[in-house]
Protein backbone atom coordinates (compact mmCIF):
# COMPACT_ATOMS: atom_id res chain seq x y z
CA UNK A 1 3.61 -1.01 31.62
CA UNK A 2 1.60 -0.94 28.41
CA UNK A 3 3.38 0.77 25.51
CA UNK A 4 1.66 2.41 22.52
CA UNK A 5 3.73 2.33 19.31
CA UNK A 6 3.19 5.05 16.69
CA UNK A 7 4.77 4.24 13.27
CA UNK A 8 5.45 7.54 11.48
CA UNK A 9 5.99 8.04 7.76
CA UNK A 10 8.82 10.57 7.62
CA UNK A 11 9.93 10.34 3.97
CA UNK A 12 7.43 9.17 1.35
CA UNK A 13 9.93 9.21 -1.52
CA UNK A 14 12.54 7.07 0.25
CA UNK A 15 9.84 5.15 2.14
CA UNK A 16 11.51 5.79 5.48
CA UNK A 17 9.63 5.14 8.71
CA UNK A 18 10.18 5.89 12.38
CA UNK A 19 8.50 4.39 15.45
CA UNK A 20 7.57 6.51 18.46
CA UNK A 21 6.80 4.77 21.76
CA UNK A 22 4.60 6.17 24.53
CA UNK A 23 3.49 4.71 27.85
CA UNK A 24 -0.26 4.20 27.62
CA UNK A 25 -0.94 6.70 30.41
CA UNK A 26 0.96 9.42 28.54
CA UNK A 27 -0.78 8.46 25.29
CA UNK A 28 -4.11 8.95 27.07
CA UNK A 29 -2.93 12.34 28.32
CA UNK A 30 -2.29 13.48 24.76
CA UNK A 31 -5.45 12.13 23.11
CA UNK A 32 -7.69 13.50 25.88
CA UNK A 33 -6.17 16.96 25.82
CA UNK A 34 -8.33 19.89 24.71
CA UNK A 35 -5.82 20.63 21.92
CA UNK A 36 -6.05 17.15 20.44
CA UNK A 37 -9.85 17.08 20.67
CA UNK A 38 -9.94 20.43 18.85
CA UNK A 39 -7.92 19.17 15.86
CA UNK A 40 -9.79 15.88 15.45
CA UNK A 41 -11.63 15.39 12.18
CA UNK A 42 -15.32 16.37 12.58
CA UNK A 43 -16.59 12.78 12.42
CA UNK A 44 -14.03 11.61 15.00
CA UNK A 45 -14.66 14.66 17.16
CA UNK A 46 -18.36 13.86 17.31
CA UNK A 47 -17.67 10.24 18.31
CA UNK A 48 -15.12 11.34 20.89
CA UNK A 49 -17.33 13.89 22.63
CA UNK A 50 -20.26 11.50 22.73
CA UNK A 51 -18.17 8.70 24.28
CA UNK A 52 -16.47 11.14 26.66
CA UNK A 53 -19.81 12.52 27.92
CA UNK A 54 -21.06 9.02 28.76
CA UNK A 55 -17.73 8.16 30.42
CA UNK A 56 -17.61 11.24 32.63
CA UNK A 57 -21.22 10.72 33.65
CA UNK A 58 -20.21 7.41 35.24
CA UNK A 59 -16.60 8.09 36.34
CA UNK A 60 -15.55 11.16 38.28
CA UNK A 61 -11.86 10.27 38.73
CA UNK A 62 -9.14 7.91 37.52
CA UNK A 63 -7.54 5.29 39.73
CA UNK A 64 -5.56 2.10 39.24
CA UNK A 65 -8.19 0.32 41.30
CA UNK A 66 -10.72 0.83 38.52
CA UNK A 67 -8.43 0.19 35.54
CA UNK A 68 -10.13 -3.11 34.60
CA UNK A 69 -13.43 -1.28 34.37
CA UNK A 70 -12.02 1.69 32.45
CA UNK A 71 -10.36 -0.31 29.68
CA UNK A 72 -13.69 -1.91 28.70
CA UNK A 73 -15.56 1.39 28.40
CA UNK A 74 -16.41 2.72 24.90
CA UNK A 75 -14.46 5.94 25.55
CA UNK A 76 -11.16 4.25 26.42
CA UNK A 77 -11.60 1.70 23.64
CA UNK A 78 -12.25 4.55 21.20
CA UNK A 79 -9.16 6.46 22.32
CA UNK A 80 -6.94 3.39 21.97
CA UNK A 81 -8.69 2.16 18.81
CA UNK A 82 -7.45 2.41 15.20
CA UNK A 83 -9.28 5.65 14.30
CA UNK A 84 -7.69 7.85 16.98
CA UNK A 85 -4.37 5.99 16.76
CA UNK A 86 -4.11 6.58 12.98
CA UNK A 87 -5.12 10.23 13.34
CA UNK A 88 -2.39 10.86 15.92
CA UNK A 89 0.13 9.12 13.67
CA UNK A 90 -0.91 11.42 10.80
CA UNK A 91 -0.51 14.55 12.96
CA UNK A 92 2.96 13.45 14.11
CA UNK A 93 4.04 12.59 10.55
CA UNK A 94 2.87 15.96 9.19
CA UNK A 95 4.77 17.87 11.89
CA UNK A 96 7.85 15.62 11.97
CA UNK A 97 10.19 17.95 10.06
CA UNK A 98 9.46 20.87 12.40
CA UNK A 99 10.18 18.97 15.62
CA UNK A 100 12.48 16.08 14.71
CA UNK A 101 15.35 17.70 16.64
CA UNK A 102 13.49 17.00 19.88
CA UNK A 103 14.10 13.28 19.36
CA UNK A 104 17.84 13.74 19.80
CA UNK A 105 18.15 16.38 22.55
CA UNK A 106 19.53 15.63 26.00
CA UNK A 107 16.94 14.53 28.54
CA UNK A 108 17.83 17.29 31.02
CA UNK A 109 14.78 18.42 32.92
CA UNK A 110 12.20 16.57 30.83
CA UNK A 111 10.97 14.75 33.92
CA UNK A 112 10.17 18.07 35.54
CA UNK A 113 8.43 19.20 32.36
CA UNK A 114 6.18 16.16 32.28
CA UNK A 115 5.49 16.33 35.99
CA UNK A 116 3.63 19.58 35.28
CA UNK A 117 1.18 17.72 33.05
CA UNK A 118 -1.98 16.27 34.50
CA UNK A 119 -1.15 12.65 33.66
CA UNK A 120 -3.60 9.82 34.32
CA UNK A 121 -2.30 7.37 36.94
CA UNK A 122 0.47 9.88 37.55
CA UNK A 123 2.37 8.09 40.35
CA UNK A 124 2.32 4.71 38.63
CA UNK A 125 3.63 6.25 35.43
CA UNK A 126 6.66 7.85 37.08
CA UNK A 127 7.51 4.74 39.11
CA UNK A 128 7.65 2.64 35.96
CA UNK A 129 9.34 5.36 33.93
CA UNK A 130 12.22 5.72 36.38
CA UNK A 131 13.79 2.66 34.78
CA UNK A 132 12.82 3.45 31.19
CA UNK A 133 15.09 4.81 28.48
CA UNK A 134 15.64 8.52 27.91
CA UNK A 135 14.11 7.96 24.50
CA UNK A 136 10.66 7.73 26.10
CA UNK A 137 10.98 11.31 27.34
CA UNK A 138 12.09 12.48 23.92
CA UNK A 139 9.23 10.70 22.18
CA UNK A 140 6.76 12.23 24.63
CA UNK A 141 8.10 15.73 24.19
CA UNK A 142 8.08 15.32 20.40
CA UNK A 143 4.41 14.21 20.47
CA UNK A 144 3.46 17.09 22.74
CA UNK A 145 5.17 19.64 20.47
CA UNK A 146 3.56 18.22 17.31
CA UNK A 147 0.06 18.31 18.79
CA UNK A 148 0.51 21.85 20.11
CA UNK A 149 1.90 23.06 16.78
CA UNK A 150 -0.94 21.48 14.84
CA UNK A 151 -3.48 22.93 17.25
CA UNK A 152 -2.11 26.47 16.89
CA UNK A 153 -2.21 26.24 13.08
CA UNK A 154 -5.82 25.10 13.17
CA UNK A 155 -6.73 27.92 15.58
CA UNK A 156 -4.96 30.52 13.44
CA UNK A 157 -6.87 29.31 10.42
CA UNK A 158 -10.16 29.62 12.31
CA UNK A 159 -9.25 33.10 13.56
CA UNK A 160 -8.25 34.23 10.09
CA UNK A 161 -11.58 33.06 8.74
CA UNK A 162 -13.40 34.85 11.57
CA UNK A 163 -11.63 38.15 10.73
CA UNK A 164 -12.67 38.03 7.09
CA UNK A 165 -15.24 40.49 5.85
CA UNK A 166 -18.80 39.45 5.08
CA UNK A 167 -18.11 39.49 1.33
CA UNK A 168 -15.05 37.24 1.69
CA UNK A 169 -16.96 34.89 3.99
CA UNK A 170 -19.74 34.65 1.43
CA UNK A 171 -17.22 33.92 -1.32
CA UNK A 172 -15.57 31.20 0.76
CA UNK A 173 -18.96 29.73 1.61
CA UNK A 174 -19.86 29.59 -2.09
CA UNK A 175 -16.52 27.98 -2.89
CA UNK A 176 -17.06 25.39 -0.15
CA UNK A 177 -20.50 24.60 -1.55
CA UNK A 178 -19.07 24.28 -5.06
CA UNK A 179 -16.32 21.97 -3.82
CA UNK A 180 -18.89 19.84 -2.00
CA UNK A 181 -21.04 19.75 -5.16
CA UNK A 182 -18.09 18.73 -7.33
CA UNK A 183 -17.08 16.03 -4.85
CA UNK A 184 -20.64 14.68 -4.88
CA UNK A 185 -20.68 14.82 -8.69
CA UNK A 186 -17.32 13.05 -8.86
CA UNK A 187 -18.58 10.33 -6.53
CA UNK A 188 -21.68 9.88 -8.71
CA UNK A 189 -19.53 9.64 -11.85
CA UNK A 190 -17.27 7.07 -10.19
CA UNK A 191 -20.32 5.03 -9.16
CA UNK A 192 -21.71 5.24 -12.72
CA UNK A 193 -18.35 4.26 -14.16
CA UNK A 194 -18.17 1.29 -11.83
CA UNK A 195 -21.68 0.20 -12.89
CA UNK A 196 -20.73 0.58 -16.55
CA UNK A 197 -17.56 -1.44 -16.06
CA UNK A 198 -19.54 -4.19 -14.38
CA UNK A 199 -22.08 -4.21 -17.22
CA UNK A 200 -19.28 -4.21 -19.79
CA UNK A 201 -17.60 -7.19 -18.11
CA UNK A 202 -20.94 -8.99 -18.04
CA UNK A 203 -21.50 -8.32 -21.75
CA UNK A 204 -17.96 -9.46 -22.56
CA UNK A 205 -18.54 -12.71 -20.69
CA UNK A 206 -21.81 -13.28 -22.52
CA UNK A 207 -20.18 -12.48 -25.86
CA UNK A 208 -17.32 -14.89 -25.17
CA UNK A 209 -19.82 -17.59 -24.24
CA UNK A 210 -21.84 -17.06 -27.43
CA UNK A 211 -18.69 -17.04 -29.56
CA UNK A 212 -17.57 -20.26 -27.95
CA UNK A 213 -20.93 -21.83 -28.78
CA UNK A 214 -20.80 -20.73 -32.42
CA UNK A 215 -17.14 -21.46 -33.07
CA UNK A 216 -16.44 -23.32 -36.32
CA UNK A 217 -13.23 -25.29 -36.53
CA UNK A 218 -11.65 -24.94 -39.97
CA UNK A 219 -8.30 -26.58 -40.72
CA UNK A 220 -5.69 -24.05 -41.79
CA UNK A 221 -3.86 -26.63 -43.94
CA UNK A 222 -6.22 -29.35 -45.23
CA UNK A 223 -3.41 -31.36 -46.83
CA UNK A 224 -1.52 -31.43 -43.54
CA UNK A 225 -4.66 -32.60 -41.74
CA UNK A 226 -4.81 -35.63 -44.00
CA UNK A 227 -1.06 -36.25 -43.90
CA UNK A 228 -0.64 -35.38 -47.59
CA UNK A 229 1.35 -32.90 -49.63
CA UNK A 230 -0.34 -30.53 -52.12
CA UNK A 231 0.90 -32.80 -54.95
CA UNK A 232 -1.05 -35.72 -53.44
CA UNK A 233 -4.50 -34.12 -53.70
CA UNK A 234 -5.79 -37.10 -55.69
CA UNK A 235 -5.38 -39.30 -52.60
CA UNK A 236 -7.50 -36.99 -50.42
CA UNK A 237 -10.77 -38.89 -50.91
CA UNK A 238 -9.34 -42.26 -49.94
CA UNK A 239 -7.26 -40.96 -47.06
CA UNK A 240 -10.22 -39.01 -45.63
CA UNK A 241 -12.49 -42.03 -45.91
CA UNK A 242 -10.05 -44.22 -44.00
CA UNK A 243 -9.56 -41.63 -41.23
CA UNK A 244 -13.28 -40.88 -40.90
CA UNK A 245 -14.02 -44.55 -40.52
CA UNK A 246 -11.64 -44.76 -37.57
CA UNK A 247 -12.69 -41.43 -35.99
CA UNK A 248 -16.45 -41.79 -36.24
CA UNK A 249 -17.82 -41.74 -32.66
CA UNK A 250 -19.90 -44.84 -33.33
CA UNK A 251 -16.80 -46.74 -34.48
CA UNK A 252 -14.26 -45.35 -31.99
CA UNK A 253 -16.59 -45.64 -29.01
CA UNK A 254 -15.38 -42.21 -27.87
CA UNK A 255 -17.60 -39.14 -28.33
CA UNK A 256 -14.55 -36.86 -28.10
CA UNK A 257 -13.37 -37.92 -31.59
CA UNK A 258 -16.38 -36.17 -33.15
CA UNK A 259 -14.53 -32.87 -33.62
CA UNK A 260 -11.62 -34.69 -35.32
CA UNK A 261 -14.08 -36.45 -37.59
CA UNK A 262 -15.53 -33.03 -38.50
CA UNK A 263 -12.06 -31.59 -39.17
CA UNK A 264 -11.16 -34.43 -41.54
CA UNK A 265 -14.46 -33.98 -43.38
CA UNK A 266 -13.82 -30.25 -43.83
CA UNK A 267 -10.23 -30.85 -44.95
CA UNK A 268 -11.43 -33.32 -47.62
CA UNK A 269 -14.08 -30.90 -48.91
CA UNK A 270 -11.60 -28.04 -49.08
CA UNK A 271 -9.15 -30.11 -51.16
CA UNK A 272 -11.86 -31.41 -53.51
CA UNK A 273 -13.13 -27.88 -54.12
C-alpha cells in the first residue's frame, strides 16, 4: 500500500518537526473533498478544478482495475504533486496546536468513523489497514480535523465579509487595491534594485580591471630593494647597475624579470633624489 508522508513544522523556534503518514487512498479522500478544494489558494484552485473537470469527463467511477490509468492522469498527478502536497502540509502545520491531542488518543471506534467516509478504493484500503498501526488512524483523524477547522475559518471569514455594509465593503475593496498597488510597487523597486546592483557589480569589475592596468609598482623601501642600509646610499648607483644588468629581460632570457628590473630602477632613482 502506497503511503504519503507529510512532514509538519510544529515549532519554528526549536526547529521541531513531525511526520504524518496517510495511505494514498485516504490522502486522495482528503485532497478531493469539497472542504479542501474550498481552502486551496486561488491559483491552485483554478488548476485543480480544470484538471478535475477533464478527469470526470473521462472517468465516471474509481476501481482498482483502472488504477494504472488513473495514476497517469493530470488530475491524480496534480493531487499527488508538490503543490498540493505542500499546501496540505501548511494547513496541517498551522492547525497543529489545536488538534495535536488527536495524535495520542486511543483508537476506539476510529475505524467506524472512517468507514462513514466515501473513500476511494474503499475495500482495498480497509483490507490493508487491518494490519496497520493505530497511528495511521490517529494521523487520518488529525488531518481530517485540521482540514475541517481550516475550512470553517475560511467560511466564517467569507460570511463576515458578506455581512458587512456597503461602506465597509468599499473601504475593504480600496484597502485591497492599495495593498495590491504597494505590492506591485515593491516588486518594481526590488527589480530596479537588482538591476542597479548588477550594474554596480559590472562597474566595479571594470574599475578593478582598469586599476590593474594602470597600477604602478613603487618600492616602499628603496634601500631594502637594493640590499643596502640608508647609510650606504653612495653605493646605490653601482648596486642598481649590477642588478639591472642581471634582471634585464634581454640578458636573463625571461620576460617575467621585467617588473623586477623596473623596481630596481625606481629604487635607484628614489635614493639618488
